[in-house]
Amino acid sequence: MARGWAITKFEFFPQVSKSHGWIYCSTLDNKLILINLRYAKSIELIGDDVEPMPAYYPAEVYRALYDLEIGEAPENLREDCEAIIADIGEDKAMRMVSFVRVTYDQGEDEWNFFDEVAASIFFGMKAAAIFQVPPHTFTEIESEGYYRARYANLDHVAVMEIPSDRYHRLTRTRGTPTHFKPALGSRHSRNQ
């Protein structure tokens, strides 16, 4: 699976024995990316004088697209947002700003609405990219109140794309991630 992102920040965290290494990066097109090193065969950084940069919108447009969805977009950006929606469609526009894309090891994609619960989980995943993810860890990727939740086995997740602006809105009071509490299924969580 090949993907192209306009990366603005790139951090590599070495793999510790018996845990899986991940790469964390942020992009110009409103994504925070977590990449499982187990599935990264290579990484290529290409300058925009070699290959055209992928298209992206200014940060305030992603913010306004989300605000438009909840009826609070600034007047000066509404026309831009409506033009984007007309061009790419409402579903794709809302996915860009409100959904997490989880790509599994076989290449299948799963889109999940990004809410406060998911933001909290991915806040921990960002920390896990630094402090390592134990093998056989399941983490919640979607929740519908108390009556339904879906978990992903991180051993089989290749990439997670998180809408950056929404993530920062939902986690702005949290400070810096300092630890990762594994979700259900990891040996580490069972021994605590």
C-alpha atoms as a PDB file:
ATOM      1  CA  MET A   1       0.000   0.000   0.000  1.00  0.00           C
ATOM      2  CA  ALA A   2       1.522   3.302  -1.044  1.00  0.00           C
ATOM      3  CA  ARG A   3       0.325   6.610   0.344  1.00  0.00           C
ATOM      4  CA  GLY A   4       1.513  10.163  -0.084  1.00  0.00           C
ATOM      5  CA  TRP A   5       1.323  12.813   2.622  1.00  0.00           C
ATOM      6  CA  ALA A   6       2.785  16.303   2.830  1.00  0.00           C
ATOM      7  CA  ILE A   7       4.560  15.749   6.159  1.00  0.00           C
ATOM      8  CA  THR A   8       5.351  18.672   8.442  1.00  0.00           C
ATOM      9  CA  LYS A   9       6.686  16.801  11.471  1.00  0.00           C
ATOM     10  CA  PHE A  10       8.317  13.379  11.517  1.00  0.00           C
ATOM     11  CA  GLU A  11       9.394  11.438  14.596  1.00  0.00           C
ATOM     12  CA  PHE A  12      10.905   7.958  14.674  1.00  0.00           C
ATOM     13  CA  PHE A  13      10.793   6.029  17.907  1.00  0.00           C
ATOM     14  CA  PRO A  14      13.046   2.968  18.054  1.00  0.00           C
ATOM     15  CA  GLN A  15      11.565  -0.433  18.643  1.00  0.00           C
ATOM     16  CA  VAL A  16      12.114  -1.986  22.055  1.00  0.00           C
ATOM     17  CA  SER A  17      12.165  -5.781  22.316  1.00  0.00           C
ATOM     18  CA  LYS A  18       8.759  -7.391  22.699  1.00  0.00           C
ATOM     19  CA  SER A  19       6.954  -4.234  21.631  1.00  0.00           C
ATOM     20  CA  HIS A  20       6.012  -2.761  18.298  1.00  0.00           C
ATOM     21  CA  GLY A  21       7.612   0.415  17.014  1.00  0.00           C
ATOM     22  CA  TRP A  22       5.458   3.111  15.455  1.00  0.00           C
ATOM     23  CA  ILE A  23       6.171   6.312  13.555  1.00  0.00           C
ATOM     24  CA  TYR A  24       4.156   9.416  14.345  1.00  0.00           C
ATOM     25  CA  CYS A  25       3.914  12.337  11.923  1.00  0.00           C
ATOM     26  CA  SER A  26       1.671  15.279  11.153  1.00  0.00           C
ATOM     27  CA  THR A  27       0.740  16.408   7.653  1.00  0.00           C
ATOM     28  CA  LEU A  28      -0.267  19.586   5.856  1.00  0.00           C
ATOM     29  CA  ASP A  29      -3.617  18.030   4.915  1.00  0.00           C
ATOM     30  CA  ASN A  30      -4.997  17.905   8.472  1.00  0.00           C
ATOM     31  CA  LYS A  31      -3.830  14.432   9.503  1.00  0.00           C
ATOM     32  CA  LEU A  32      -1.928  12.925  12.375  1.00  0.00           C
ATOM     33  CA  ILE A  33      -0.494   9.649  11.123  1.00  0.00           C
ATOM     34  CA  LEU A  34       0.521   6.624  13.200  1.00  0.00           C
ATOM     35  CA  ILE A  35       2.396   4.011  11.147  1.00  0.00           C
ATOM     36  CA  ASN A  36       3.126   0.519  12.446  1.00  0.00           C
ATOM     37  CA  LEU A  37       6.778  -0.155  11.520  1.00  0.00           C
ATOM     38  CA  ARG A  38       5.996  -3.829  11.046  1.00  0.00           C
ATOM     39  CA  TYR A  39       4.199  -2.863   7.808  1.00  0.00           C
ATOM     40  CA  ALA A  40       6.505  -0.098   6.575  1.00  0.00           C
ATOM     41  CA  LYS A  41       8.707  -1.664   3.897  1.00  0.00           C
ATOM     42  CA  SER A  42      10.258   1.703   3.075  1.00  0.00           C
ATOM     43  CA  ILE A  43       9.806   5.399   3.676  1.00  0.00           C
ATOM     44  CA  GLU A  44      10.622   7.917   0.991  1.00  0.00           C
ATOM     45  CA  LEU A  45      10.832  11.652   1.581  1.00  0.00           C
ATOM     46  CA  ILE A  46      10.540  13.591  -1.675  1.00  0.00           C
ATOM     47  CA  GLY A  47      11.048  17.327  -2.125  1.00  0.00           C
ATOM     48  CA  ASP A  48       8.432  19.334  -4.008  1.00  0.00           C
ATOM     49  CA  ASP A  49      10.995  20.278  -6.696  1.00  0.00           C
ATOM     50  CA  VAL A  50      11.207  16.560  -7.589  1.00  0.00           C
ATOM     51  CA  GLU A  51       7.507  15.704  -7.461  1.00  0.00           C
ATOM     52  CA  PRO A  52       4.476  17.988  -7.064  1.00  0.00           C
ATOM     53  CA  MET A  53       3.231  18.247  -3.495  1.00  0.00           C
ATOM     54  CA  PRO A  54      -0.154  16.597  -2.823  1.00  0.00           C
ATOM     55  CA  ALA A  55      -3.032  19.071  -2.742  1.00  0.00           C
ATOM     56  CA  TYR A  56      -4.118  20.381   0.635  1.00  0.00           C
ATOM     57  CA  TYR A  57      -6.118  23.281   2.039  1.00  0.00           C
ATOM     58  CA  PRO A  58      -4.988  25.899   4.562  1.00  0.00           C
ATOM     59  CA  ALA A  59      -5.518  24.869   8.223  1.00  0.00           C
ATOM     60  CA  GLU A  60      -8.341  27.385   8.697  1.00  0.00           C
ATOM     61  CA  VAL A  61     -10.324  25.684   5.903  1.00  0.00           C
ATOM     62  CA  TYR A  62     -10.239  22.300   7.695  1.00  0.00           C
ATOM     63  CA  ARG A  63     -11.335  24.081  10.859  1.00  0.00           C
ATOM     64  CA  ALA A  64     -14.151  25.832   8.974  1.00  0.00           C
ATOM     65  CA  LEU A  65     -15.318  22.570   7.342  1.00  0.00           C
ATOM     66  CA  TYR A  66     -15.789  21.077  10.791  1.00  0.00           C
ATOM     67  CA  ASP A  67     -17.430  24.275  12.048  1.00  0.00           C
ATOM     68  CA  LEU A  68     -19.737  24.256   9.008  1.00  0.00           C
ATOM     69  CA  GLU A  69     -20.855  20.755   9.986  1.00  0.00           C
ATOM     70  CA  ILE A  70     -21.926  22.051  13.411  1.00  0.00           C
ATOM     71  CA  GLY A  71     -23.279  25.350  12.018  1.00  0.00           C
ATOM     72  CA  GLU A  72     -20.535  27.667  13.275  1.00  0.00           C
ATOM     73  CA  ALA A  73     -18.275  28.287  10.246  1.00  0.00           C
ATOM     74  CA  PRO A  74     -16.937  31.837   9.887  1.00  0.00           C
ATOM     75  CA  GLU A  75     -18.771  33.752   7.179  1.00  0.00           C
ATOM     76  CA  ASN A  76     -15.571  34.555   5.260  1.00  0.00           C
ATOM     77  CA  LEU A  77     -14.797  30.816   4.791  1.00  0.00           C
ATOM     78  CA  ARG A  78     -18.301  29.465   4.089  1.00  0.00           C
ATOM     79  CA  GLU A  79     -17.973  29.970   0.339  1.00  0.00           C
ATOM     80  CA  ASP A  80     -14.625  28.127   0.313  1.00  0.00           C
ATOM     81  CA  CYS A  81     -16.141  25.251   2.297  1.00  0.00           C
ATOM     82  CA  GLU A  82     -19.203  25.052   0.065  1.00  0.00           C
ATOM     83  CA  ALA A  83     -16.947  24.996  -3.029  1.00  0.00           C
ATOM     84  CA  ILE A  84     -14.904  22.126  -1.538  1.00  0.00           C
ATOM     85  CA  ILE A  85     -18.073  20.194  -0.697  1.00  0.00           C
ATOM     86  CA  ALA A  86     -19.396  20.767  -4.230  1.00  0.00           C
ATOM     87  CA  ASP A  87     -16.064  19.553  -5.659  1.00  0.00           C
ATOM     88  CA  ILE A  88     -15.389  16.434  -3.556  1.00  0.00           C
ATOM     89  CA  GLY A  89     -18.804  15.703  -2.034  1.00  0.00           C
ATOM     90  CA  GLU A  90     -20.157  16.115   1.477  1.00  0.00           C
ATOM     91  CA  ASP A  91     -19.210  12.610   2.665  1.00  0.00           C
ATOM     92  CA  LYS A  92     -15.553  12.977   1.665  1.00  0.00           C
ATOM     93  CA  ALA A  93     -15.365  16.502   3.123  1.00  0.00           C
ATOM     94  CA  MET A  94     -16.766  15.325   6.470  1.00  0.00           C
ATOM     95  CA  ARG A  95     -14.431  12.310   6.503  1.00  0.00           C
ATOM     96  CA  MET A  96     -11.479  14.699   6.168  1.00  0.00           C
ATOM     97  CA  VAL A  97     -12.406  16.528   9.366  1.00  0.00           C
ATOM     98  CA  SER A  98     -14.448  14.133  11.527  1.00  0.00           C
ATOM     99  CA  PHE A  99     -13.385  10.519  10.886  1.00  0.00           C
ATOM    100  CA  VAL A 100     -10.391   8.317  11.692  1.00  0.00           C
ATOM    101  CA  ARG A 101      -9.176   6.044   8.917  1.00  0.00           C
ATOM    102  CA  VAL A 102      -7.748   2.738  10.141  1.00  0.00           C
ATOM    103  CA  THR A 103      -5.938   0.670   7.503  1.00  0.00           C
ATOM    104  CA  TYR A 104      -5.342  -2.971   8.392  1.00  0.00           C
ATOM    105  CA  ASP A 105      -2.468  -5.210   7.341  1.00  0.00           C
ATOM    106  CA  GLN A 106      -4.373  -6.634   4.346  1.00  0.00           C
ATOM    107  CA  GLY A 107      -5.108  -3.122   3.015  1.00  0.00           C
ATOM    108  CA  GLU A 108      -8.749  -2.808   4.021  1.00  0.00           C
ATOM    109  CA  ASP A 109      -9.842   0.592   5.354  1.00  0.00           C
ATOM    110  CA  GLU A 110     -12.280   1.301   8.145  1.00  0.00           C
ATOM    111  CA  TRP A 111     -13.667   4.794   8.805  1.00  0.00           C
ATOM    112  CA  ASN A 112     -14.809   5.649  12.340  1.00  0.00           C
ATOM    113  CA  PHE A 113     -16.342   8.839  13.716  1.00  0.00           C
ATOM    114  CA  PHE A 114     -13.810  10.713  15.856  1.00  0.00           C
ATOM    115  CA  ASP A 115     -15.317  11.716  19.215  1.00  0.00           C
ATOM    116  CA  GLU A 116     -13.962  12.514  22.713  1.00  0.00           C
ATOM    117  CA  VAL A 117     -13.557   8.833  23.601  1.00  0.00           C
ATOM    118  CA  ALA A 118     -11.590   8.116  20.424  1.00  0.00           C
ATOM    119  CA  ALA A 119      -9.512  11.281  20.964  1.00  0.00           C
ATOM    120  CA  SER A 120      -8.571  10.031  24.421  1.00  0.00           C
ATOM    121  CA  ILE A 121      -7.559   6.647  22.997  1.00  0.00           C
ATOM    122  CA  PHE A 122      -5.465   8.206  20.228  1.00  0.00           C
ATOM    123  CA  PHE A 123      -3.899  10.596  22.744  1.00  0.00           C
ATOM    124  CA  GLY A 124      -2.633   7.422  24.429  1.00  0.00           C
ATOM    125  CA  MET A 125      -1.584   5.993  21.054  1.00  0.00           C
ATOM    126  CA  LYS A 126       0.511   9.092  20.396  1.00  0.00           C
ATOM    127  CA  ALA A 127       2.221   8.439  23.727  1.00  0.00           C
ATOM    128  CA  ALA A 128       2.547   4.782  22.761  1.00  0.00           C
ATOM    129  CA  ALA A 129       4.453   5.792  19.640  1.00  0.00           C
ATOM    130  CA  ILE A 130       7.018   7.197  22.057  1.00  0.00           C
ATOM    131  CA  PHE A 131       6.796   4.586  24.813  1.00  0.00           C
ATOM    132  CA  GLN A 132       6.037   1.492  22.676  1.00  0.00           C
ATOM    133  CA  VAL A 133       2.944  -0.650  22.210  1.00  0.00           C
ATOM    134  CA  PRO A 134       2.980  -4.115  23.783  1.00  0.00           C
ATOM    135  CA  PRO A 135       2.165  -7.007  21.421  1.00  0.00           C
ATOM    136  CA  HIS A 136      -1.437  -8.217  21.187  1.00  0.00           C
ATOM    137  CA  THR A 137      -2.883  -4.859  22.264  1.00  0.00           C
ATOM    138  CA  PHE A 138      -6.470  -4.039  21.370  1.00  0.00           C
ATOM    139  CA  THR A 139      -7.507  -0.403  21.444  1.00  0.00           C
ATOM    140  CA  GLU A 140     -10.924   1.167  21.146  1.00  0.00           C
ATOM    141  CA  ILE A 141     -11.391   2.861  17.785  1.00  0.00           C
ATOM    142  CA  GLU A 142     -15.080   3.729  17.977  1.00  0.00           C
ATOM    143  CA  SER A 143     -17.667   4.072  20.708  1.00  0.00           C
ATOM    144  CA  GLU A 144     -21.402   4.692  20.664  1.00  0.00           C
ATOM    145  CA  GLY A 145     -22.190   5.622  24.239  1.00  0.00           C
ATOM    146  CA  TYR A 146     -22.256   2.726  26.690  1.00  0.00           C
ATOM    147  CA  TYR A 147     -23.985   0.266  24.359  1.00  0.00           C
ATOM    148  CA  ARG A 148     -21.428  -0.350  21.606  1.00  0.00           C
ATOM    149  CA  ALA A 149     -17.662  -0.157  21.163  1.00  0.00           C
ATOM    150  CA  ARG A 150     -15.278  -1.503  18.527  1.00  0.00           C
ATOM    151  CA  TYR A 151     -11.649  -2.455  19.206  1.00  0.00           C
ATOM    152  CA  ALA A 152      -8.773  -2.989  16.767  1.00  0.00           C
ATOM    153  CA  ASN A 153      -5.932  -5.444  17.288  1.00  0.00           C
ATOM    154  CA  LEU A 154      -2.899  -3.192  16.810  1.00  0.00           C
ATOM    155  CA  ASP A 155      -0.852  -6.173  15.613  1.00  0.00           C
ATOM    156  CA  HIS A 156      -2.970  -5.969  12.425  1.00  0.00           C
ATOM    157  CA  VAL A 157      -3.209  -2.187  12.025  1.00  0.00           C
ATOM    158  CA  ALA A 158      -0.796  -0.755   9.469  1.00  0.00           C
ATOM    159  CA  VAL A 159      -1.783   2.936   9.519  1.00  0.00           C
ATOM    160  CA  MET A 160      -4.124   5.254  11.405  1.00  0.00           C
ATOM    161  CA  GLU A 161      -5.021   8.689  10.001  1.00  0.00           C
ATOM    162  CA  ILE A 162      -6.566  11.059  12.525  1.00  0.00           C
ATOM    163  CA  PRO A 163      -8.099  14.461  11.685  1.00  0.00           C
ATOM    164  CA  SER A 164      -5.549  16.805  13.248  1.00  0.00           C
ATOM    165  CA  ASP A 165      -7.693  19.862  13.966  1.00  0.00           C
ATOM    166  CA  ARG A 166     -10.459  17.815  15.603  1.00  0.00           C
ATOM    167  CA  TYR A 167      -7.877  15.849  17.614  1.00  0.00           C
ATOM    168  CA  HIS A 168      -6.338  19.057  18.964  1.00  0.00           C
ATOM    169  CA  ARG A 169      -9.768  20.499  19.799  1.00  0.00           C
ATOM    170  CA  LEU A 170     -10.752  17.391  21.740  1.00  0.00           C
ATOM    171  CA  THR A 171      -7.433  17.025  23.605  1.00  0.00           C
ATOM    172  CA  ARG A 172      -6.368  20.655  24.117  1.00  0.00           C
ATOM    173  CA  THR A 173      -6.729  20.479  27.914  1.00  0.00           C
ATOM    174  CA  ARG A 174      -4.686  17.289  28.269  1.00  0.00           C
ATOM    175  CA  GLY A 175      -1.096  18.595  28.115  1.00  0.00           C
ATOM    176  CA  THR A 176       1.581  16.277  26.764  1.00  0.00           C
ATOM    177  CA  PRO A 177       1.021  12.509  26.673  1.00  0.00           C
ATOM    178  CA  THR A 178       3.303  10.876  29.226  1.00  0.00           C
ATOM    179  CA  HIS A 179       2.105   7.285  29.308  1.00  0.00           C
ATOM    180  CA  PHE A 180       0.078   4.726  27.405  1.00  0.00           C
ATOM    181  CA  LYS A 181      -2.462   2.589  29.166  1.00  0.00           C
ATOM    182  CA  PRO A 182      -3.064  -0.429  26.941  1.00  0.00           C
ATOM    183  CA  ALA A 183      -6.642  -1.291  26.172  1.00  0.00           C
ATOM    184  CA  LEU A 184      -8.129  -4.704  26.364  1.00  0.00           C
ATOM    185  CA  GLY A 185      -6.151  -7.704  25.314  1.00  0.00           C
ATOM    186  CA  SER A 186      -2.538  -6.808  25.905  1.00  0.00           C
ATOM    187  CA  ARG A 187      -0.456  -8.858  28.282  1.00  0.00           C
ATOM    188  CA  HIS A 188       0.590  -5.602  29.982  1.00  0.00           C
ATOM    189  CA  SER A 189      -3.009  -4.620  30.816  1.00  0.00           C
ATOM    190  CA  ARG A 190      -3.825  -8.087  32.183  1.00  0.00           C
ATOM    191  CA  ASN A 191      -0.899  -7.966  34.622  1.00  0.00           C
ATOM    192  CA  GLN A 192      -1.810  -4.617  36.169  1.00  0.00           C
END
